[in-house]
Amino acid sequence: MELNKRQPTIKGPSDWFTGDVYLDRLANGGELSPLSVGSVHFTPGARTAWHSHRGGQTLYVTEGKGLIQAHDGEVLEVTSGDVVVSGDGELHWHGATPDYYMTHISMTIGEATWGQHVTDAQYFGPSK
């Protein structure tokens, strides 16, 4: 058994995010359990860059309104209680809507591979 004390909230790195995003690590993944869990807090308009996860990713939205998109898919809105599952290696992004904060619990097993930032045209969609 291993006890890990709570770590301070950190600001998400600009290589991974557009806008202000804050991360609380809940489980770090390691030898005893490979599961990494974090609470990710997006300010309005903030979002991840395009990325994928070896082993996939599950998101549980805990508050607010968010947007998600898989590569070549539609931008979809998510709200509290929604669960989003991205498969192994599936390219995607997620973040807050322009007018609301959004927080989700992120659960992953493998490392993330980060790509390009989501453009405003991708974020707002073709109608804006």
N, C-alpha and C. Protein backbone atom coordinates (compact mmCIF):
# COMPACT_ATOMS: atom_id res chain seq x y z
N MET A 1 0.85 -1.17 0.00
CA MET A 1 0.00 0.00 0.00
C MET A 1 0.89 1.23 0.00
N GLU A 2 0.37 2.27 -0.64
CA GLU A 2 1.14 3.50 -0.77
C GLU A 2 0.21 4.68 -0.52
N LEU A 3 0.65 5.65 0.28
CA LEU A 3 -0.12 6.86 0.54
C LEU A 3 0.54 8.02 -0.18
N ASN A 4 -0.23 8.72 -0.99
CA ASN A 4 0.28 9.91 -1.69
C ASN A 4 -0.51 11.11 -1.20
N LYS A 5 0.16 12.10 -0.67
CA LYS A 5 -0.49 13.32 -0.19
C LYS A 5 -0.93 14.17 -1.37
N ARG A 6 -2.00 14.93 -1.17
CA ARG A 6 -2.52 15.80 -2.21
C ARG A 6 -1.46 16.80 -2.66
N GLN A 7 -1.36 16.95 -3.96
CA GLN A 7 -0.43 17.91 -4.54
C GLN A 7 -1.15 19.23 -4.81
N PRO A 8 -0.42 20.33 -4.89
CA PRO A 8 -1.05 21.62 -5.17
C PRO A 8 -1.64 21.65 -6.58
N THR A 9 -2.66 22.48 -6.76
CA THR A 9 -3.21 22.74 -8.09
C THR A 9 -2.14 23.40 -8.93
N ILE A 10 -2.05 22.98 -10.21
CA ILE A 10 -1.08 23.59 -11.11
C ILE A 10 -1.81 24.15 -12.34
N LYS A 11 -1.21 25.16 -12.94
CA LYS A 11 -1.74 25.71 -14.18
C LYS A 11 -1.29 24.80 -15.31
N GLY A 12 -2.22 24.46 -16.22
CA GLY A 12 -1.90 23.61 -17.35
C GLY A 12 -0.91 24.27 -18.28
N PRO A 13 0.04 23.50 -18.81
CA PRO A 13 1.07 24.08 -19.69
C PRO A 13 0.49 24.56 -21.01
N SER A 14 1.03 25.68 -21.50
CA SER A 14 0.53 26.28 -22.74
C SER A 14 0.80 25.40 -23.96
N ASP A 15 1.70 24.45 -23.86
CA ASP A 15 1.92 23.49 -24.96
C ASP A 15 0.70 22.58 -25.13
N TRP A 16 -0.03 22.35 -24.07
CA TRP A 16 -1.16 21.41 -24.07
C TRP A 16 -2.51 22.09 -24.16
N PHE A 17 -2.58 23.38 -23.75
CA PHE A 17 -3.87 24.05 -23.61
C PHE A 17 -3.87 25.44 -24.22
N THR A 18 -5.05 25.85 -24.67
CA THR A 18 -5.34 27.24 -25.04
C THR A 18 -6.22 27.80 -23.94
N GLY A 19 -5.87 28.95 -23.40
CA GLY A 19 -6.64 29.54 -22.30
C GLY A 19 -6.14 29.04 -20.96
N ASP A 20 -6.88 29.41 -19.92
CA ASP A 20 -6.48 29.06 -18.55
C ASP A 20 -7.14 27.76 -18.12
N VAL A 21 -6.29 26.79 -17.80
CA VAL A 21 -6.72 25.46 -17.37
C VAL A 21 -5.92 25.11 -16.13
N TYR A 22 -6.59 24.52 -15.14
CA TYR A 22 -5.94 24.17 -13.88
C TYR A 22 -6.13 22.68 -13.61
N LEU A 23 -5.07 22.05 -13.11
CA LEU A 23 -5.03 20.60 -12.93
C LEU A 23 -4.84 20.24 -11.46
N ASP A 24 -5.66 19.31 -11.00
CA ASP A 24 -5.49 18.69 -9.69
C ASP A 24 -5.25 17.21 -9.92
N ARG A 25 -4.07 16.74 -9.58
CA ARG A 25 -3.77 15.31 -9.73
C ARG A 25 -4.42 14.55 -8.59
N LEU A 26 -5.19 13.51 -8.94
CA LEU A 26 -5.86 12.69 -7.94
C LEU A 26 -5.16 11.35 -7.76
N ALA A 27 -4.63 10.80 -8.85
CA ALA A 27 -3.85 9.56 -8.80
C ALA A 27 -2.81 9.66 -9.91
N ASN A 28 -1.57 9.34 -9.59
CA ASN A 28 -0.47 9.58 -10.52
C ASN A 28 -0.10 8.43 -11.43
N GLY A 29 -0.69 7.29 -11.27
CA GLY A 29 -0.28 6.16 -12.10
C GLY A 29 1.14 5.76 -11.74
N GLY A 30 1.34 4.51 -11.50
CA GLY A 30 2.67 4.05 -11.11
C GLY A 30 2.73 2.55 -11.11
N GLU A 31 3.66 2.04 -10.36
CA GLU A 31 3.91 0.60 -10.32
C GLU A 31 2.73 -0.18 -9.75
N LEU A 32 2.09 0.33 -8.70
CA LEU A 32 1.00 -0.40 -8.06
C LEU A 32 -0.30 -0.30 -8.86
N SER A 33 -0.52 0.82 -9.53
CA SER A 33 -1.70 1.01 -10.38
C SER A 33 -1.33 1.95 -11.51
N PRO A 34 -1.57 1.55 -12.76
CA PRO A 34 -1.20 2.41 -13.89
C PRO A 34 -2.21 3.54 -14.15
N LEU A 35 -3.30 3.59 -13.40
CA LEU A 35 -4.35 4.55 -13.65
C LEU A 35 -3.94 5.95 -13.17
N SER A 36 -4.02 6.92 -14.08
CA SER A 36 -3.83 8.33 -13.73
C SER A 36 -5.18 9.00 -13.75
N VAL A 37 -5.45 9.79 -12.70
CA VAL A 37 -6.74 10.46 -12.58
C VAL A 37 -6.47 11.92 -12.20
N GLY A 38 -7.17 12.82 -12.88
CA GLY A 38 -7.02 14.23 -12.56
C GLY A 38 -8.33 14.95 -12.70
N SER A 39 -8.49 16.01 -11.93
CA SER A 39 -9.62 16.91 -12.06
C SER A 39 -9.10 18.11 -12.85
N VAL A 40 -9.72 18.38 -13.99
CA VAL A 40 -9.23 19.42 -14.89
C VAL A 40 -10.29 20.51 -14.98
N HIS A 41 -9.88 21.74 -14.69
CA HIS A 41 -10.78 22.88 -14.60
C HIS A 41 -10.49 23.84 -15.76
N PHE A 42 -11.45 24.01 -16.66
CA PHE A 42 -11.31 24.87 -17.83
C PHE A 42 -12.09 26.16 -17.61
N THR A 43 -11.45 27.31 -17.82
CA THR A 43 -12.17 28.58 -17.80
C THR A 43 -12.90 28.72 -19.14
N PRO A 44 -13.89 29.62 -19.22
CA PRO A 44 -14.63 29.76 -20.49
C PRO A 44 -13.69 29.98 -21.68
N GLY A 45 -13.92 29.19 -22.74
CA GLY A 45 -13.11 29.27 -23.95
C GLY A 45 -11.83 28.47 -23.93
N ALA A 46 -11.43 27.96 -22.76
CA ALA A 46 -10.18 27.19 -22.67
C ALA A 46 -10.40 25.78 -23.20
N ARG A 47 -9.35 25.20 -23.76
CA ARG A 47 -9.46 23.86 -24.36
C ARG A 47 -8.10 23.22 -24.48
N THR A 48 -8.12 21.90 -24.67
CA THR A 48 -6.88 21.17 -24.90
C THR A 48 -6.43 21.38 -26.34
N ALA A 49 -5.19 21.01 -26.61
CA ALA A 49 -4.72 20.85 -27.98
C ALA A 49 -5.23 19.49 -28.46
N TRP A 50 -5.12 19.23 -29.75
CA TRP A 50 -5.41 17.89 -30.26
C TRP A 50 -4.47 16.92 -29.56
N HIS A 51 -4.97 15.77 -29.15
CA HIS A 51 -4.12 14.79 -28.48
C HIS A 51 -4.77 13.41 -28.53
N SER A 52 -3.98 12.42 -28.18
CA SER A 52 -4.48 11.05 -28.05
C SER A 52 -3.80 10.43 -26.84
N HIS A 53 -4.36 9.31 -26.40
CA HIS A 53 -3.82 8.61 -25.23
C HIS A 53 -3.59 7.15 -25.57
N ARG A 54 -2.39 6.68 -25.28
CA ARG A 54 -2.14 5.24 -25.38
C ARG A 54 -2.97 4.59 -24.27
N GLY A 55 -3.86 3.71 -24.66
CA GLY A 55 -4.76 3.09 -23.68
C GLY A 55 -6.10 3.80 -23.56
N GLY A 56 -6.28 4.92 -24.25
CA GLY A 56 -7.56 5.62 -24.24
C GLY A 56 -7.71 6.57 -23.06
N GLN A 57 -8.86 7.23 -23.02
CA GLN A 57 -9.16 8.19 -21.97
C GLN A 57 -10.66 8.19 -21.70
N THR A 58 -11.02 8.27 -20.43
CA THR A 58 -12.42 8.44 -20.04
C THR A 58 -12.52 9.75 -19.28
N LEU A 59 -13.52 10.56 -19.66
CA LEU A 59 -13.80 11.82 -18.99
C LEU A 59 -15.17 11.75 -18.34
N TYR A 60 -15.25 12.22 -17.10
CA TYR A 60 -16.53 12.35 -16.41
C TYR A 60 -16.71 13.82 -16.11
N VAL A 61 -17.70 14.45 -16.74
CA VAL A 61 -17.94 15.89 -16.56
C VAL A 61 -18.63 16.10 -15.22
N THR A 62 -18.03 16.92 -14.36
CA THR A 62 -18.57 17.14 -13.03
C THR A 62 -19.33 18.44 -12.89
N GLU A 63 -19.00 19.43 -13.73
CA GLU A 63 -19.74 20.69 -13.67
C GLU A 63 -19.52 21.51 -14.93
N GLY A 64 -20.48 22.38 -15.20
CA GLY A 64 -20.37 23.31 -16.31
C GLY A 64 -20.80 22.73 -17.64
N LYS A 65 -20.36 23.41 -18.71
CA LYS A 65 -20.65 22.99 -20.08
C LYS A 65 -19.35 22.94 -20.85
N GLY A 66 -19.21 21.89 -21.65
CA GLY A 66 -17.98 21.74 -22.42
C GLY A 66 -18.25 21.34 -23.84
N LEU A 67 -17.16 21.32 -24.61
CA LEU A 67 -17.19 20.88 -26.00
C LEU A 67 -16.15 19.79 -26.17
N ILE A 68 -16.47 18.81 -27.02
CA ILE A 68 -15.54 17.74 -27.35
C ILE A 68 -15.59 17.50 -28.85
N GLN A 69 -14.51 16.96 -29.38
CA GLN A 69 -14.51 16.59 -30.79
C GLN A 69 -13.45 15.53 -31.03
N ALA A 70 -13.85 14.48 -31.73
CA ALA A 70 -12.90 13.49 -32.23
C ALA A 70 -12.47 13.92 -33.63
N HIS A 71 -11.29 13.53 -34.04
CA HIS A 71 -10.80 13.87 -35.38
C HIS A 71 -11.83 13.46 -36.43
N ASP A 72 -12.16 14.36 -37.31
CA ASP A 72 -13.16 14.14 -38.37
C ASP A 72 -14.58 13.97 -37.83
N GLY A 73 -14.81 14.31 -36.57
CA GLY A 73 -16.16 14.21 -36.01
C GLY A 73 -16.74 15.59 -35.79
N GLU A 74 -17.99 15.62 -35.33
CA GLU A 74 -18.68 16.87 -35.01
C GLU A 74 -18.24 17.37 -33.64
N VAL A 75 -18.33 18.68 -33.44
CA VAL A 75 -18.15 19.25 -32.11
C VAL A 75 -19.44 18.99 -31.34
N LEU A 76 -19.32 18.36 -30.17
CA LEU A 76 -20.48 18.00 -29.35
C LEU A 76 -20.41 18.72 -28.01
N GLU A 77 -21.58 19.08 -27.47
CA GLU A 77 -21.63 19.71 -26.16
C GLU A 77 -21.82 18.66 -25.08
N VAL A 78 -21.11 18.83 -23.95
CA VAL A 78 -21.24 17.94 -22.80
C VAL A 78 -21.60 18.77 -21.58
N THR A 79 -22.30 18.14 -20.64
CA THR A 79 -22.67 18.80 -19.39
C THR A 79 -22.47 17.83 -18.22
N SER A 80 -22.70 18.33 -17.02
CA SER A 80 -22.51 17.53 -15.81
C SER A 80 -23.15 16.16 -15.93
N GLY A 81 -22.41 15.14 -15.57
CA GLY A 81 -22.89 13.77 -15.59
C GLY A 81 -22.57 13.02 -16.87
N ASP A 82 -22.18 13.74 -17.94
CA ASP A 82 -21.83 13.06 -19.19
C ASP A 82 -20.48 12.35 -19.05
N VAL A 83 -20.37 11.22 -19.73
CA VAL A 83 -19.13 10.44 -19.77
C VAL A 83 -18.68 10.35 -21.22
N VAL A 84 -17.43 10.67 -21.46
CA VAL A 84 -16.85 10.63 -22.80
C VAL A 84 -15.73 9.61 -22.78
N VAL A 85 -15.76 8.68 -23.73
CA VAL A 85 -14.73 7.65 -23.83
C VAL A 85 -14.04 7.78 -25.18
N SER A 86 -12.73 8.00 -25.15
CA SER A 86 -11.91 8.03 -26.35
C SER A 86 -11.07 6.78 -26.38
N GLY A 87 -11.06 6.10 -27.51
CA GLY A 87 -10.32 4.84 -27.63
C GLY A 87 -8.82 5.04 -27.71
N ASP A 88 -8.13 3.94 -27.62
CA ASP A 88 -6.67 3.90 -27.70
C ASP A 88 -6.20 4.63 -28.97
N GLY A 89 -5.43 5.70 -28.79
CA GLY A 89 -4.86 6.43 -29.92
C GLY A 89 -5.82 7.35 -30.66
N GLU A 90 -7.07 7.50 -30.18
CA GLU A 90 -8.04 8.34 -30.88
C GLU A 90 -7.70 9.83 -30.68
N LEU A 91 -7.51 10.54 -31.79
CA LEU A 91 -7.18 11.96 -31.76
C LEU A 91 -8.44 12.75 -31.42
N HIS A 92 -8.34 13.66 -30.43
CA HIS A 92 -9.49 14.41 -29.97
C HIS A 92 -9.06 15.66 -29.21
N TRP A 93 -10.03 16.50 -28.86
CA TRP A 93 -9.81 17.63 -27.96
C TRP A 93 -11.08 17.83 -27.12
N HIS A 94 -10.95 18.59 -26.03
CA HIS A 94 -12.08 18.90 -25.17
C HIS A 94 -11.78 20.17 -24.39
N GLY A 95 -12.85 20.86 -23.98
CA GLY A 95 -12.67 22.09 -23.22
C GLY A 95 -14.01 22.69 -22.85
N ALA A 96 -13.96 23.90 -22.32
CA ALA A 96 -15.16 24.62 -21.90
C ALA A 96 -15.82 25.29 -23.10
N THR A 97 -17.12 25.57 -22.97
CA THR A 97 -17.79 26.38 -23.98
C THR A 97 -17.30 27.83 -23.81
N PRO A 98 -17.61 28.70 -24.77
CA PRO A 98 -17.15 30.09 -24.65
C PRO A 98 -17.71 30.84 -23.44
N ASP A 99 -18.87 30.42 -22.93
CA ASP A 99 -19.54 31.17 -21.87
C ASP A 99 -19.61 30.49 -20.51
N TYR A 100 -19.07 29.27 -20.38
CA TYR A 100 -19.17 28.52 -19.13
C TYR A 100 -17.84 27.87 -18.77
N TYR A 101 -17.62 27.74 -17.48
CA TYR A 101 -16.54 26.91 -16.99
C TYR A 101 -16.92 25.45 -17.22
N MET A 102 -15.94 24.57 -17.23
CA MET A 102 -16.21 23.13 -17.30
C MET A 102 -15.12 22.42 -16.53
N THR A 103 -15.53 21.47 -15.70
CA THR A 103 -14.59 20.62 -14.98
C THR A 103 -14.91 19.17 -15.30
N HIS A 104 -13.87 18.38 -15.53
CA HIS A 104 -14.06 16.95 -15.72
C HIS A 104 -12.98 16.19 -14.97
N ILE A 105 -13.31 14.96 -14.65
CA ILE A 105 -12.34 14.00 -14.12
C ILE A 105 -11.78 13.24 -15.33
N SER A 106 -10.47 13.24 -15.47
CA SER A 106 -9.81 12.53 -16.56
C SER A 106 -9.17 11.26 -16.01
N MET A 107 -9.47 10.13 -16.67
CA MET A 107 -8.92 8.84 -16.26
C MET A 107 -8.19 8.23 -17.45
N THR A 108 -6.89 8.00 -17.28
CA THR A 108 -6.07 7.45 -18.36
C THR A 108 -5.14 6.37 -17.81
N ILE A 109 -4.68 5.53 -18.72
CA ILE A 109 -3.69 4.53 -18.34
C ILE A 109 -2.36 4.80 -19.03
N GLY A 110 -2.40 5.22 -20.30
CA GLY A 110 -1.16 5.45 -21.05
C GLY A 110 -0.81 6.92 -21.16
N GLU A 111 0.34 7.15 -21.74
CA GLU A 111 0.83 8.51 -21.96
C GLU A 111 0.02 9.22 -23.04
N ALA A 112 -0.03 10.54 -22.95
CA ALA A 112 -0.68 11.35 -23.99
C ALA A 112 0.35 11.74 -25.04
N THR A 113 -0.11 11.85 -26.27
CA THR A 113 0.68 12.40 -27.36
C THR A 113 -0.02 13.68 -27.78
N TRP A 114 0.69 14.80 -27.66
CA TRP A 114 0.10 16.11 -27.91
C TRP A 114 0.41 16.58 -29.32
N GLY A 115 -0.60 17.22 -29.94
CA GLY A 115 -0.47 17.73 -31.29
C GLY A 115 -0.68 19.23 -31.35
N GLN A 116 -1.21 19.68 -32.48
CA GLN A 116 -1.44 21.10 -32.73
C GLN A 116 -2.55 21.65 -31.82
N HIS A 117 -2.48 22.95 -31.59
CA HIS A 117 -3.56 23.61 -30.86
C HIS A 117 -4.82 23.64 -31.72
N VAL A 118 -5.96 23.57 -31.07
CA VAL A 118 -7.26 23.67 -31.74
C VAL A 118 -7.42 25.13 -32.16
N THR A 119 -7.70 25.35 -33.43
CA THR A 119 -7.87 26.71 -33.93
C THR A 119 -9.24 27.26 -33.51
N ASP A 120 -9.39 28.57 -33.57
CA ASP A 120 -10.69 29.17 -33.29
C ASP A 120 -11.74 28.65 -34.26
N ALA A 121 -11.37 28.47 -35.55
CA ALA A 121 -12.32 27.95 -36.54
C ALA A 121 -12.79 26.54 -36.17
N GLN A 122 -11.88 25.69 -35.67
CA GLN A 122 -12.27 24.34 -35.24
C GLN A 122 -13.14 24.42 -33.99
N TYR A 123 -12.76 25.28 -33.05
CA TYR A 123 -13.48 25.41 -31.78
C TYR A 123 -14.89 25.95 -31.99
N PHE A 124 -15.02 27.01 -32.76
CA PHE A 124 -16.32 27.64 -32.97
C PHE A 124 -17.13 26.96 -34.05
N GLY A 125 -16.50 26.13 -34.87
CA GLY A 125 -17.21 25.43 -35.92
C GLY A 125 -17.39 26.29 -37.15
N PRO A 126 -17.92 25.72 -38.22
CA PRO A 126 -17.99 26.43 -39.49
C PRO A 126 -18.98 27.60 -39.52
N SER A 127 -19.89 27.68 -38.55
CA SER A 127 -20.91 28.73 -38.60
C SER A 127 -20.46 30.04 -37.99
N LYS A 128 -19.26 30.09 -37.38
CA LYS A 128 -18.85 31.34 -36.72
C LYS A 128 -17.65 31.95 -37.39
